[in-house]
């Protein structure tokens, strides 16, 4: 476990970029960020799994890594508190028809996969697994956000609520609310089956969490 890199970090992240997916200049907004949904956050002494969906006009798994990829998990109430922070260079990704993956040639110790989301237009699912352990001390946040940077724009997700955490245990957080742009924005449409499936999965996750806590 690399405590210097894995201990809770204090960064200069702005409150406006608590969970942001920074993309290409052509889709960047001057003041606002695009939307996203945190899908999974699990961080502990034996590694981490972090995944999220970002929705941006014209987004694809190839375009999202054009400038590299940085993924962070920050406290929902204090964006200066960072629990997870990893960066992968653009040159370390390989794109195929259905997905873009980390090729293992860089310093990142884990796996990363990006894929276009079925049933949700302009949306990319990002999935990271890290083998190194994380020292979170006694931290037990009520909620977190995922912050991903890859260019000159951004997108934010809603808060992912977290289970109470014992010192030395894993930080486990639920799915955030599903993000769907307003219809008049003209992107990010979701079909009904996708909405029902995600809400059902979120409900099952909450029931498992209640069982684990009790």
N, C-alpha and C. Protein backbone atom coordinates (compact mmCIF):
# COMPACT_ATOMS: atom_id res chain seq x y z
N UNK A 1 0.84 -1.19 0.00
CA UNK A 1 0.00 0.00 0.00
C UNK A 1 0.88 1.24 0.00
N UNK A 2 0.64 2.12 -0.98
CA UNK A 2 1.44 3.34 -1.06
C UNK A 2 0.72 4.44 -0.29
N UNK A 3 1.06 4.58 0.98
CA UNK A 3 0.29 5.49 1.83
C UNK A 3 0.38 6.92 1.36
N UNK A 4 1.53 7.34 0.82
CA UNK A 4 1.66 8.72 0.40
C UNK A 4 0.71 9.06 -0.73
N UNK A 5 0.44 8.10 -1.60
CA UNK A 5 -0.45 8.35 -2.72
C UNK A 5 -1.88 7.99 -2.40
N UNK A 6 -2.06 7.12 -1.39
CA UNK A 6 -3.39 6.60 -1.13
C UNK A 6 -4.06 7.24 0.07
N UNK A 7 -3.32 7.95 0.91
CA UNK A 7 -3.94 8.63 2.02
C UNK A 7 -4.85 9.72 1.48
N UNK A 8 -5.88 10.08 2.20
CA UNK A 8 -6.80 11.11 1.75
C UNK A 8 -6.01 12.34 1.32
N UNK A 9 -6.22 12.75 0.09
CA UNK A 9 -5.47 13.87 -0.47
C UNK A 9 -6.27 15.14 -0.36
N UNK A 10 -5.56 16.25 -0.15
CA UNK A 10 -6.17 17.57 -0.18
C UNK A 10 -5.73 18.23 -1.48
N UNK A 11 -6.67 18.50 -2.35
CA UNK A 11 -6.35 19.05 -3.66
C UNK A 11 -7.00 20.39 -3.85
N UNK A 12 -6.66 21.01 -4.96
CA UNK A 12 -7.19 22.35 -5.26
C UNK A 12 -8.39 22.26 -6.19
N UNK A 13 -9.13 21.15 -6.15
CA UNK A 13 -10.31 21.02 -6.99
C UNK A 13 -11.31 22.10 -6.63
N UNK A 14 -11.89 22.72 -7.61
CA UNK A 14 -12.92 23.74 -7.36
C UNK A 14 -14.22 23.04 -7.01
N UNK A 15 -15.06 23.72 -6.23
CA UNK A 15 -16.34 23.12 -5.85
C UNK A 15 -17.19 22.85 -7.07
N UNK A 16 -17.01 23.64 -8.11
CA UNK A 16 -17.81 23.44 -9.32
C UNK A 16 -17.43 22.19 -10.08
N UNK A 17 -16.31 21.57 -9.73
CA UNK A 17 -15.89 20.37 -10.46
C UNK A 17 -15.81 19.16 -9.56
N UNK A 18 -16.76 19.05 -8.65
CA UNK A 18 -16.76 17.93 -7.72
C UNK A 18 -16.74 16.60 -8.45
N UNK A 19 -17.62 16.46 -9.42
CA UNK A 19 -17.58 15.27 -10.25
C UNK A 19 -17.56 15.78 -11.67
N UNK A 20 -16.44 15.75 -12.35
CA UNK A 20 -16.42 16.30 -13.69
C UNK A 20 -15.71 15.39 -14.64
N UNK A 21 -16.24 15.33 -15.84
CA UNK A 21 -15.64 14.56 -16.91
C UNK A 21 -15.23 15.58 -17.95
N UNK A 22 -13.94 15.86 -18.05
CA UNK A 22 -13.51 16.92 -18.91
C UNK A 22 -13.23 16.35 -20.29
N UNK A 23 -13.84 16.95 -21.31
CA UNK A 23 -13.81 16.38 -22.63
C UNK A 23 -13.13 17.30 -23.63
N UNK A 24 -13.47 17.17 -24.89
CA UNK A 24 -12.82 17.91 -25.94
C UNK A 24 -13.33 19.34 -26.01
N UNK A 25 -12.50 20.28 -26.48
CA UNK A 25 -12.91 21.68 -26.53
C UNK A 25 -14.19 21.89 -27.33
N UNK A 26 -14.45 21.06 -28.33
CA UNK A 26 -15.62 21.24 -29.18
C UNK A 26 -16.93 21.03 -28.44
N UNK A 27 -16.90 20.34 -27.29
CA UNK A 27 -18.13 20.12 -26.54
C UNK A 27 -18.08 20.80 -25.18
N UNK A 28 -17.09 21.62 -24.94
CA UNK A 28 -16.97 22.25 -23.63
C UNK A 28 -17.95 23.40 -23.49
N UNK A 29 -18.45 23.60 -22.30
CA UNK A 29 -19.26 24.77 -21.98
C UNK A 29 -18.40 25.76 -21.22
N UNK A 30 -18.73 27.03 -21.37
CA UNK A 30 -17.91 28.06 -20.73
C UNK A 30 -18.07 28.05 -19.23
N UNK A 31 -19.32 27.88 -18.74
CA UNK A 31 -19.54 28.02 -17.31
C UNK A 31 -20.06 26.75 -16.65
N UNK A 32 -20.82 25.95 -17.39
CA UNK A 32 -21.47 24.78 -16.80
C UNK A 32 -20.72 23.51 -17.14
N UNK A 33 -21.10 22.46 -16.44
CA UNK A 33 -20.56 21.13 -16.73
C UNK A 33 -21.68 20.25 -17.25
N UNK A 34 -21.32 19.26 -18.04
CA UNK A 34 -22.28 18.27 -18.49
C UNK A 34 -22.64 17.34 -17.33
N UNK A 35 -23.67 16.54 -17.54
CA UNK A 35 -24.12 15.65 -16.48
C UNK A 35 -23.49 14.27 -16.55
N UNK A 36 -23.58 13.55 -15.45
CA UNK A 36 -23.05 12.19 -15.37
C UNK A 36 -23.74 11.45 -14.24
N UNK A 37 -23.50 10.17 -14.16
CA UNK A 37 -24.03 9.34 -13.07
C UNK A 37 -22.92 8.46 -12.53
N UNK A 38 -22.62 8.59 -11.24
CA UNK A 38 -21.67 7.68 -10.60
C UNK A 38 -22.32 6.31 -10.49
N UNK A 39 -21.61 5.28 -10.91
CA UNK A 39 -22.19 3.95 -10.98
C UNK A 39 -21.72 3.05 -9.85
N UNK A 40 -20.42 3.09 -9.55
CA UNK A 40 -19.88 2.23 -8.49
C UNK A 40 -18.66 2.89 -7.87
N UNK A 41 -18.61 2.88 -6.54
CA UNK A 41 -17.43 3.35 -5.81
C UNK A 41 -17.15 2.35 -4.70
N UNK A 42 -16.00 1.70 -4.77
CA UNK A 42 -15.56 0.74 -3.76
C UNK A 42 -14.05 0.90 -3.60
N UNK A 43 -13.63 1.43 -2.46
CA UNK A 43 -12.22 1.77 -2.24
C UNK A 43 -11.78 1.20 -0.90
N UNK A 44 -10.63 0.50 -0.88
CA UNK A 44 -10.18 -0.07 0.37
C UNK A 44 -8.73 -0.48 0.35
N UNK A 45 -8.28 -1.14 1.41
CA UNK A 45 -6.87 -1.51 1.53
C UNK A 45 -6.41 -2.56 0.53
N UNK A 46 -7.36 -3.22 -0.13
CA UNK A 46 -6.99 -4.24 -1.10
C UNK A 46 -7.30 -3.82 -2.54
N UNK A 47 -7.51 -2.53 -2.77
CA UNK A 47 -7.73 -2.04 -4.12
C UNK A 47 -9.02 -1.24 -4.24
N UNK A 48 -9.37 -0.90 -5.48
CA UNK A 48 -10.53 -0.05 -5.69
C UNK A 48 -11.20 -0.38 -7.02
N UNK A 49 -12.52 -0.14 -7.05
CA UNK A 49 -13.29 -0.20 -8.29
C UNK A 49 -14.14 1.06 -8.35
N UNK A 50 -14.00 1.79 -9.44
CA UNK A 50 -14.75 3.03 -9.62
C UNK A 50 -15.31 3.04 -11.04
N UNK A 51 -16.60 3.30 -11.18
CA UNK A 51 -17.20 3.39 -12.50
C UNK A 51 -18.25 4.49 -12.52
N UNK A 52 -18.42 5.07 -13.70
CA UNK A 52 -19.39 6.15 -13.86
C UNK A 52 -19.76 6.29 -15.33
N UNK A 53 -20.91 6.91 -15.57
CA UNK A 53 -21.38 7.16 -16.93
C UNK A 53 -21.40 8.66 -17.17
N UNK A 54 -20.78 9.09 -18.27
CA UNK A 54 -20.77 10.51 -18.61
C UNK A 54 -21.56 10.72 -19.89
N UNK A 55 -22.40 11.75 -19.91
CA UNK A 55 -23.27 12.03 -21.05
C UNK A 55 -22.94 13.40 -21.61
N UNK A 56 -22.42 13.40 -22.85
CA UNK A 56 -21.97 14.62 -23.52
C UNK A 56 -22.33 14.53 -25.00
N UNK A 57 -22.77 15.61 -25.63
CA UNK A 57 -23.12 15.53 -27.05
C UNK A 57 -22.00 14.91 -27.89
N UNK A 58 -22.32 13.84 -28.59
CA UNK A 58 -21.36 13.21 -29.48
C UNK A 58 -20.28 12.39 -28.82
N UNK A 59 -20.39 12.14 -27.52
CA UNK A 59 -19.34 11.41 -26.80
C UNK A 59 -19.22 9.98 -27.29
N UNK A 60 -17.99 9.47 -27.32
CA UNK A 60 -17.71 8.07 -27.63
C UNK A 60 -16.55 7.60 -26.78
N UNK A 61 -16.37 6.29 -26.71
CA UNK A 61 -15.27 5.78 -25.88
C UNK A 61 -13.91 6.21 -26.42
N UNK A 62 -13.80 6.46 -27.73
CA UNK A 62 -12.53 6.93 -28.28
C UNK A 62 -12.28 8.40 -27.94
N UNK A 63 -13.30 9.24 -28.11
CA UNK A 63 -13.09 10.68 -27.91
C UNK A 63 -12.82 11.04 -26.46
N UNK A 64 -13.34 10.26 -25.54
CA UNK A 64 -13.20 10.59 -24.13
C UNK A 64 -11.76 10.52 -23.64
N UNK A 65 -10.92 9.74 -24.31
CA UNK A 65 -9.53 9.59 -23.86
C UNK A 65 -8.54 10.31 -24.78
N UNK A 66 -9.04 11.17 -25.65
CA UNK A 66 -8.17 11.82 -26.63
C UNK A 66 -7.05 12.63 -25.97
N UNK A 67 -7.30 13.14 -24.77
CA UNK A 67 -6.29 13.91 -24.04
C UNK A 67 -5.85 13.20 -22.77
N UNK A 68 -6.09 11.90 -22.68
CA UNK A 68 -5.81 11.16 -21.47
C UNK A 68 -7.02 11.15 -20.56
N UNK A 69 -6.90 10.48 -19.44
CA UNK A 69 -8.04 10.32 -18.53
C UNK A 69 -7.57 10.40 -17.09
N UNK A 70 -8.23 11.24 -16.30
CA UNK A 70 -7.97 11.33 -14.86
C UNK A 70 -9.28 11.11 -14.12
N UNK A 71 -9.24 10.23 -13.14
CA UNK A 71 -10.45 9.89 -12.37
C UNK A 71 -10.18 10.11 -10.90
N UNK A 72 -11.06 10.84 -10.24
CA UNK A 72 -10.96 11.09 -8.80
C UNK A 72 -12.30 10.82 -8.14
N UNK A 73 -12.25 10.50 -6.86
CA UNK A 73 -13.45 10.42 -6.03
C UNK A 73 -13.27 11.42 -4.91
N UNK A 74 -14.22 12.34 -4.77
CA UNK A 74 -14.10 13.40 -3.77
C UNK A 74 -15.29 13.36 -2.82
N UNK A 75 -15.09 13.95 -1.66
CA UNK A 75 -16.16 14.05 -0.68
C UNK A 75 -17.26 14.97 -1.19
N UNK A 76 -18.50 14.54 -1.05
CA UNK A 76 -19.62 15.32 -1.57
C UNK A 76 -19.80 16.64 -0.84
N UNK A 77 -19.36 16.72 0.41
CA UNK A 77 -19.53 17.94 1.19
C UNK A 77 -18.31 18.82 1.19
N UNK A 78 -17.16 18.29 0.80
CA UNK A 78 -15.92 19.06 0.79
C UNK A 78 -15.07 18.56 -0.37
N UNK A 79 -15.11 19.26 -1.49
CA UNK A 79 -14.43 18.80 -2.70
C UNK A 79 -12.92 18.81 -2.58
N UNK A 80 -12.37 19.40 -1.52
CA UNK A 80 -10.92 19.37 -1.32
C UNK A 80 -10.44 18.04 -0.74
N UNK A 81 -11.37 17.22 -0.27
CA UNK A 81 -11.01 15.92 0.28
C UNK A 81 -11.15 14.87 -0.82
N UNK A 82 -10.03 14.26 -1.19
CA UNK A 82 -9.99 13.32 -2.32
C UNK A 82 -9.63 11.94 -1.80
N UNK A 83 -10.45 10.95 -2.13
CA UNK A 83 -10.23 9.59 -1.67
C UNK A 83 -9.56 8.70 -2.72
N UNK A 84 -9.62 9.11 -3.96
CA UNK A 84 -9.12 8.30 -5.07
C UNK A 84 -8.70 9.25 -6.18
N UNK A 85 -7.53 9.02 -6.77
CA UNK A 85 -7.05 9.92 -7.82
C UNK A 85 -6.08 9.17 -8.72
N UNK A 86 -6.47 8.91 -9.95
CA UNK A 86 -5.64 8.15 -10.89
C UNK A 86 -5.65 8.84 -12.25
N UNK A 87 -4.50 8.78 -12.95
CA UNK A 87 -4.39 9.38 -14.27
C UNK A 87 -3.76 8.39 -15.24
N UNK A 88 -4.31 8.34 -16.46
CA UNK A 88 -3.78 7.48 -17.52
C UNK A 88 -3.56 8.33 -18.75
N UNK A 89 -2.39 8.25 -19.35
CA UNK A 89 -2.06 9.04 -20.54
C UNK A 89 -2.82 8.53 -21.76
N UNK A 90 -3.08 9.43 -22.70
CA UNK A 90 -3.79 9.07 -23.92
C UNK A 90 -3.07 7.96 -24.68
N UNK A 91 -1.74 8.00 -24.69
CA UNK A 91 -0.95 7.02 -25.43
C UNK A 91 -1.07 5.61 -24.86
N UNK A 92 -1.58 5.50 -23.62
CA UNK A 92 -1.67 4.19 -22.97
C UNK A 92 -3.02 3.51 -23.19
N UNK A 93 -3.86 4.07 -24.08
CA UNK A 93 -5.15 3.47 -24.41
C UNK A 93 -5.13 2.88 -25.81
N UNK A 94 -5.86 1.80 -25.99
CA UNK A 94 -6.04 1.18 -27.30
C UNK A 94 -7.54 1.06 -27.57
N UNK A 95 -7.97 1.58 -28.71
CA UNK A 95 -9.39 1.56 -29.05
C UNK A 95 -9.69 0.49 -30.08
N UNK A 96 -10.76 -0.24 -29.85
CA UNK A 96 -11.32 -1.18 -30.81
C UNK A 96 -12.75 -0.74 -31.12
N UNK A 97 -13.45 -1.54 -31.89
CA UNK A 97 -14.79 -1.14 -32.31
C UNK A 97 -15.73 -0.91 -31.14
N UNK A 98 -15.70 -1.79 -30.15
CA UNK A 98 -16.69 -1.74 -29.07
C UNK A 98 -16.21 -1.10 -27.77
N UNK A 99 -14.92 -0.88 -27.64
CA UNK A 99 -14.41 -0.36 -26.37
C UNK A 99 -13.01 0.20 -26.52
N UNK A 100 -12.64 1.03 -25.57
CA UNK A 100 -11.28 1.54 -25.43
C UNK A 100 -10.75 1.04 -24.09
N UNK A 101 -9.53 0.50 -24.09
CA UNK A 101 -8.97 -0.09 -22.88
C UNK A 101 -7.56 0.42 -22.62
N UNK A 102 -7.21 0.46 -21.34
CA UNK A 102 -5.84 0.71 -20.93
C UNK A 102 -5.00 -0.48 -21.35
N UNK A 103 -3.83 -0.21 -22.01
CA UNK A 103 -3.03 -1.31 -22.56
C UNK A 103 -1.95 -1.82 -21.61
N UNK A 104 -1.86 -1.26 -20.41
CA UNK A 104 -0.92 -1.76 -19.42
C UNK A 104 0.50 -1.27 -19.58
N UNK A 105 0.74 -0.35 -20.50
CA UNK A 105 2.11 0.10 -20.75
C UNK A 105 2.52 1.29 -19.88
N UNK A 106 1.59 1.91 -19.21
CA UNK A 106 1.90 3.09 -18.41
C UNK A 106 2.12 2.75 -16.95
N UNK A 107 2.12 3.77 -16.12
CA UNK A 107 2.38 3.60 -14.68
C UNK A 107 1.14 3.22 -13.89
N UNK A 108 -0.03 3.33 -14.50
CA UNK A 108 -1.27 2.98 -13.81
C UNK A 108 -1.29 1.48 -13.52
N UNK A 109 -1.53 1.11 -12.26
CA UNK A 109 -1.50 -0.29 -11.85
C UNK A 109 -2.92 -0.82 -11.72
N UNK A 110 -3.51 -1.17 -12.85
CA UNK A 110 -4.87 -1.67 -12.82
C UNK A 110 -5.41 -1.81 -14.22
N UNK A 111 -6.74 -1.79 -14.34
CA UNK A 111 -7.39 -1.90 -15.64
C UNK A 111 -8.38 -0.76 -15.81
N UNK A 112 -8.60 -0.37 -17.06
CA UNK A 112 -9.56 0.68 -17.38
C UNK A 112 -10.24 0.33 -18.70
N UNK A 113 -11.54 0.47 -18.72
CA UNK A 113 -12.33 0.20 -19.92
C UNK A 113 -13.37 1.28 -20.10
N UNK A 114 -13.53 1.76 -21.33
CA UNK A 114 -14.57 2.70 -21.68
C UNK A 114 -15.39 2.10 -22.80
N UNK A 115 -16.72 2.18 -22.70
CA UNK A 115 -17.59 1.63 -23.72
C UNK A 115 -18.82 2.50 -23.88
N UNK A 116 -19.33 2.58 -25.10
CA UNK A 116 -20.54 3.35 -25.36
C UNK A 116 -21.73 2.64 -24.74
N UNK A 117 -22.56 3.41 -24.05
CA UNK A 117 -23.68 2.85 -23.31
C UNK A 117 -24.87 2.55 -24.22
N UNK A 118 -25.35 1.32 -24.18
CA UNK A 118 -26.53 0.95 -24.96
C UNK A 118 -27.78 1.54 -24.33
N UNK A 119 -28.66 2.04 -25.16
CA UNK A 119 -29.92 2.57 -24.67
C UNK A 119 -29.83 3.96 -24.09
N UNK A 120 -28.66 4.57 -24.12
CA UNK A 120 -28.48 5.93 -23.59
C UNK A 120 -27.55 6.68 -24.55
N UNK A 121 -28.13 7.53 -25.37
CA UNK A 121 -27.37 8.24 -26.39
C UNK A 121 -26.27 9.10 -25.78
N UNK A 122 -25.16 9.23 -26.49
CA UNK A 122 -24.08 10.16 -26.13
C UNK A 122 -23.49 9.87 -24.75
N UNK A 123 -23.52 8.63 -24.34
CA UNK A 123 -23.10 8.27 -22.99
C UNK A 123 -22.02 7.19 -23.03
N UNK A 124 -20.99 7.37 -22.22
CA UNK A 124 -19.87 6.44 -22.14
C UNK A 124 -19.75 5.92 -20.71
N UNK A 125 -19.64 4.61 -20.58
CA UNK A 125 -19.40 3.98 -19.28
C UNK A 125 -17.90 3.84 -19.07
N UNK A 126 -17.40 4.38 -17.95
CA UNK A 126 -15.98 4.29 -17.59
C UNK A 126 -15.86 3.35 -16.40
N UNK A 127 -14.99 2.35 -16.51
CA UNK A 127 -14.81 1.36 -15.44
C UNK A 127 -13.32 1.24 -15.13
N UNK A 128 -12.96 1.52 -13.89
CA UNK A 128 -11.57 1.41 -13.44
C UNK A 128 -11.45 0.41 -12.30
N UNK A 129 -10.38 -0.38 -12.34
CA UNK A 129 -10.01 -1.25 -11.22
C UNK A 129 -8.55 -0.99 -10.90
N UNK A 130 -8.24 -0.83 -9.62
CA UNK A 130 -6.88 -0.55 -9.18
C UNK A 130 -6.46 -1.63 -8.19
N UNK A 131 -5.28 -2.18 -8.39
CA UNK A 131 -4.81 -3.27 -7.53
C UNK A 131 -4.21 -2.76 -6.23
N UNK A 132 -3.56 -1.61 -6.27
CA UNK A 132 -2.95 -1.06 -5.06
C UNK A 132 -4.01 -0.72 -4.01
N UNK A 133 -3.62 -0.82 -2.73
CA UNK A 133 -4.53 -0.48 -1.66
C UNK A 133 -4.57 1.01 -1.38
N UNK A 134 -5.64 1.45 -0.72
CA UNK A 134 -5.83 2.86 -0.38
C UNK A 134 -5.97 3.00 1.12
N UNK A 135 -5.21 3.92 1.71
CA UNK A 135 -5.29 4.20 3.13
C UNK A 135 -6.20 5.40 3.33
N UNK A 136 -7.44 5.17 3.77
CA UNK A 136 -8.41 6.24 3.96
C UNK A 136 -8.50 6.70 5.41
N UNK A 137 -7.63 6.16 6.26
CA UNK A 137 -7.66 6.57 7.66
C UNK A 137 -9.00 6.26 8.28
N UNK A 138 -9.54 7.22 9.02
CA UNK A 138 -10.82 7.03 9.69
C UNK A 138 -11.97 7.64 8.90
N UNK A 139 -11.73 8.04 7.68
CA UNK A 139 -12.76 8.73 6.89
C UNK A 139 -13.98 7.85 6.70
N UNK A 140 -15.17 8.45 6.84
CA UNK A 140 -16.43 7.77 6.60
C UNK A 140 -17.43 8.78 6.03
N UNK A 141 -17.25 9.17 4.77
CA UNK A 141 -18.11 10.20 4.19
C UNK A 141 -19.55 9.73 4.02
N UNK A 142 -20.48 10.66 4.13
CA UNK A 142 -21.88 10.34 3.89
C UNK A 142 -22.15 10.16 2.40
N UNK A 143 -21.34 10.83 1.57
CA UNK A 143 -21.52 10.73 0.13
C UNK A 143 -20.27 11.18 -0.60
N UNK A 144 -20.14 10.75 -1.85
CA UNK A 144 -18.99 11.11 -2.67
C UNK A 144 -19.45 11.47 -4.07
N UNK A 145 -18.54 12.04 -4.82
CA UNK A 145 -18.73 12.29 -6.24
C UNK A 145 -17.49 11.79 -6.98
N UNK A 146 -17.66 11.44 -8.26
CA UNK A 146 -16.54 11.00 -9.08
C UNK A 146 -16.16 12.10 -10.04
N UNK A 147 -14.88 12.36 -10.13
CA UNK A 147 -14.35 13.47 -10.94
C UNK A 147 -13.43 12.87 -12.00
N UNK A 148 -13.79 13.07 -13.29
CA UNK A 148 -12.97 12.54 -14.38
C UNK A 148 -12.62 13.66 -15.33
N UNK A 149 -11.35 13.81 -15.66
CA UNK A 149 -10.90 14.85 -16.57
C UNK A 149 -10.23 14.24 -17.79
N UNK A 150 -10.53 14.85 -18.96
CA UNK A 150 -9.95 14.32 -20.18
C UNK A 150 -9.86 15.35 -21.29
N UNK A 151 -9.86 16.64 -20.97
CA UNK A 151 -9.78 17.65 -22.01
C UNK A 151 -10.09 19.03 -21.49
N UNK A 152 -11.07 19.72 -22.12
CA UNK A 152 -11.34 21.11 -21.77
C UNK A 152 -12.80 21.38 -21.43
N UNK A 153 -13.57 20.41 -21.05
CA UNK A 153 -14.95 20.57 -20.61
C UNK A 153 -15.17 19.75 -19.36
N UNK A 154 -16.40 19.67 -18.87
CA UNK A 154 -16.64 18.86 -17.67
C UNK A 154 -18.08 18.40 -17.60
N UNK A 155 -18.33 17.41 -16.74
CA UNK A 155 -19.67 16.93 -16.46
C UNK A 155 -19.73 16.48 -15.01
N UNK A 156 -20.88 16.66 -14.36
CA UNK A 156 -21.02 16.31 -12.95
C UNK A 156 -22.09 15.25 -12.74
N UNK A 157 -21.89 14.42 -11.76
CA UNK A 157 -22.93 13.48 -11.35
C UNK A 157 -23.56 13.94 -10.06
N UNK A 158 -24.67 13.30 -9.73
CA UNK A 158 -25.27 13.51 -8.42
C UNK A 158 -24.43 12.79 -7.36
N UNK A 159 -24.79 12.99 -6.11
CA UNK A 159 -24.06 12.38 -5.00
C UNK A 159 -24.34 10.89 -4.92
N UNK A 160 -23.31 10.12 -4.65
CA UNK A 160 -23.44 8.70 -4.32
C UNK A 160 -23.39 8.57 -2.81
N UNK A 161 -24.47 8.13 -2.19
CA UNK A 161 -24.48 7.98 -0.74
C UNK A 161 -23.68 6.75 -0.35
N UNK A 162 -23.02 6.80 0.80
CA UNK A 162 -22.09 5.75 1.22
C UNK A 162 -22.53 5.09 2.52
N UNK A 163 -22.15 3.84 2.67
CA UNK A 163 -22.35 3.15 3.93
C UNK A 163 -21.40 3.70 4.99
N UNK A 164 -21.80 3.56 6.24
CA UNK A 164 -20.89 3.90 7.33
C UNK A 164 -19.66 3.00 7.21
N UNK A 165 -18.49 3.57 7.40
CA UNK A 165 -17.24 2.82 7.21
C UNK A 165 -16.45 2.75 8.51
N UNK A 166 -15.97 1.54 8.85
CA UNK A 166 -15.09 1.38 9.99
C UNK A 166 -13.66 1.65 9.57
N UNK A 167 -12.81 2.19 10.46
CA UNK A 167 -11.40 2.41 10.11
C UNK A 167 -10.76 1.12 9.61
N UNK A 168 -10.09 1.20 8.50
CA UNK A 168 -9.46 0.04 7.91
C UNK A 168 -10.35 -0.73 6.96
N UNK A 169 -11.64 -0.41 6.92
CA UNK A 169 -12.57 -1.11 6.04
C UNK A 169 -12.67 -0.44 4.68
N UNK A 170 -13.57 -0.96 3.86
CA UNK A 170 -13.78 -0.43 2.52
C UNK A 170 -14.79 0.71 2.54
N UNK A 171 -14.59 1.65 1.65
CA UNK A 171 -15.57 2.70 1.39
C UNK A 171 -16.48 2.20 0.28
N UNK A 172 -17.75 1.99 0.59
CA UNK A 172 -18.72 1.46 -0.36
C UNK A 172 -19.84 2.47 -0.55
N UNK A 173 -20.08 2.85 -1.80
CA UNK A 173 -21.09 3.87 -2.09
C UNK A 173 -22.06 3.40 -3.16
N UNK A 174 -23.29 3.82 -3.03
CA UNK A 174 -24.36 3.38 -3.92
C UNK A 174 -24.32 4.14 -5.24
N UNK A 175 -25.13 3.66 -6.19
CA UNK A 175 -25.28 4.38 -7.46
C UNK A 175 -25.89 5.75 -7.19
N UNK A 176 -25.47 6.73 -7.96
CA UNK A 176 -26.11 8.04 -7.87
C UNK A 176 -27.39 8.03 -8.70
N UNK A 177 -28.12 9.12 -8.67
CA UNK A 177 -29.31 9.24 -9.50
C UNK A 177 -28.94 9.15 -10.97
N UNK A 178 -29.85 8.62 -11.77
CA UNK A 178 -29.65 8.53 -13.21
C UNK A 178 -29.69 9.92 -13.83
N UNK A 179 -28.75 10.20 -14.74
CA UNK A 179 -28.74 11.51 -15.40
C UNK A 179 -29.36 11.42 -16.78
N UNK A 180 -30.35 12.27 -17.04
CA UNK A 180 -30.95 12.39 -18.37
C UNK A 180 -31.15 13.87 -18.68
N UNK A 181 -30.53 14.37 -19.77
CA UNK A 181 -30.69 15.78 -20.12
C UNK A 181 -32.15 16.11 -20.43
N UNK A 182 -32.51 17.39 -20.35
CA UNK A 182 -33.84 17.81 -20.78
C UNK A 182 -33.99 17.55 -22.26
N UNK A 183 -35.22 17.22 -22.68
CA UNK A 183 -35.47 16.85 -24.08
C UNK A 183 -35.05 17.94 -25.05
N UNK A 184 -35.22 19.22 -24.65
CA UNK A 184 -34.91 20.30 -25.58
C UNK A 184 -33.40 20.52 -25.74
N UNK A 185 -32.57 19.81 -24.96
CA UNK A 185 -31.13 19.92 -25.14
C UNK A 185 -30.65 19.11 -26.33
N UNK A 186 -31.46 18.14 -26.77
CA UNK A 186 -31.17 17.46 -28.01
C UNK A 186 -30.10 16.39 -27.96
N UNK A 187 -29.78 15.86 -26.79
CA UNK A 187 -28.80 14.78 -26.68
C UNK A 187 -29.09 13.96 -25.43
N UNK A 188 -28.46 12.79 -25.34
CA UNK A 188 -28.55 11.99 -24.13
C UNK A 188 -29.88 11.33 -23.88
N UNK A 189 -30.67 11.07 -24.94
CA UNK A 189 -31.97 10.42 -24.74
C UNK A 189 -31.80 8.99 -24.23
N UNK A 190 -32.71 8.56 -23.37
CA UNK A 190 -32.67 7.22 -22.78
C UNK A 190 -33.95 6.48 -23.15
N UNK A 191 -33.82 5.22 -23.56
CA UNK A 191 -35.04 4.45 -23.83
C UNK A 191 -35.63 3.95 -22.52
N UNK A 192 -36.92 3.65 -22.55
CA UNK A 192 -37.64 3.29 -21.32
C UNK A 192 -37.10 2.05 -20.65
N UNK A 193 -36.68 1.05 -21.44
CA UNK A 193 -36.17 -0.19 -20.86
C UNK A 193 -34.90 0.07 -20.05
N UNK A 194 -34.04 0.96 -20.55
CA UNK A 194 -32.80 1.28 -19.85
C UNK A 194 -33.10 1.96 -18.52
N UNK A 195 -34.05 2.89 -18.52
CA UNK A 195 -34.43 3.58 -17.29
C UNK A 195 -34.94 2.58 -16.26
N UNK A 196 -35.84 1.68 -16.67
CA UNK A 196 -36.41 0.70 -15.73
C UNK A 196 -35.34 -0.24 -15.20
N UNK A 197 -34.42 -0.67 -16.07
CA UNK A 197 -33.37 -1.60 -15.63
C UNK A 197 -32.45 -0.95 -14.61
N UNK A 198 -32.06 0.29 -14.83
CA UNK A 198 -31.15 0.97 -13.91
C UNK A 198 -31.82 1.25 -12.57
N UNK A 199 -33.08 1.66 -12.62
CA UNK A 199 -33.79 1.92 -11.37
C UNK A 199 -33.97 0.64 -10.57
N UNK A 200 -34.24 -0.47 -11.27
CA UNK A 200 -34.37 -1.75 -10.59
C UNK A 200 -33.05 -2.17 -9.96
N UNK A 201 -31.94 -1.97 -10.69
CA UNK A 201 -30.62 -2.31 -10.15
C UNK A 201 -30.29 -1.45 -8.94
N UNK A 202 -30.65 -0.17 -9.00
CA UNK A 202 -30.38 0.72 -7.87
C UNK A 202 -31.19 0.29 -6.65
N UNK A 203 -32.44 -0.15 -6.87
CA UNK A 203 -33.28 -0.60 -5.77
C UNK A 203 -32.69 -1.85 -5.12
N UNK A 204 -32.21 -2.80 -5.95
CA UNK A 204 -31.58 -4.01 -5.40
C UNK A 204 -30.33 -3.66 -4.61
N UNK A 205 -29.56 -2.70 -5.10
CA UNK A 205 -28.35 -2.28 -4.41
C UNK A 205 -28.67 -1.69 -3.04
N UNK A 206 -29.72 -0.88 -2.98
CA UNK A 206 -30.10 -0.28 -1.69
C UNK A 206 -30.54 -1.36 -0.70
N UNK A 207 -31.27 -2.37 -1.19
CA UNK A 207 -31.70 -3.44 -0.29
C UNK A 207 -30.51 -4.23 0.24
N UNK A 208 -29.52 -4.50 -0.65
CA UNK A 208 -28.31 -5.20 -0.18
C UNK A 208 -27.57 -4.38 0.84
N UNK A 209 -27.51 -3.06 0.61
CA UNK A 209 -26.80 -2.18 1.54
C UNK A 209 -27.46 -2.19 2.90
N UNK A 210 -28.81 -2.14 2.92
CA UNK A 210 -29.51 -2.14 4.21
C UNK A 210 -29.26 -3.44 4.95
N UNK A 211 -29.22 -4.55 4.20
CA UNK A 211 -28.93 -5.83 4.82
C UNK A 211 -27.55 -5.90 5.40
N UNK A 212 -26.57 -5.31 4.68
CA UNK A 212 -25.19 -5.33 5.15
C UNK A 212 -25.03 -4.48 6.40
N UNK A 213 -25.75 -3.34 6.43
CA UNK A 213 -25.62 -2.44 7.56
C UNK A 213 -26.28 -3.02 8.81
N UNK A 214 -27.44 -3.70 8.59
CA UNK A 214 -28.15 -4.26 9.74
C UNK A 214 -27.42 -5.48 10.29
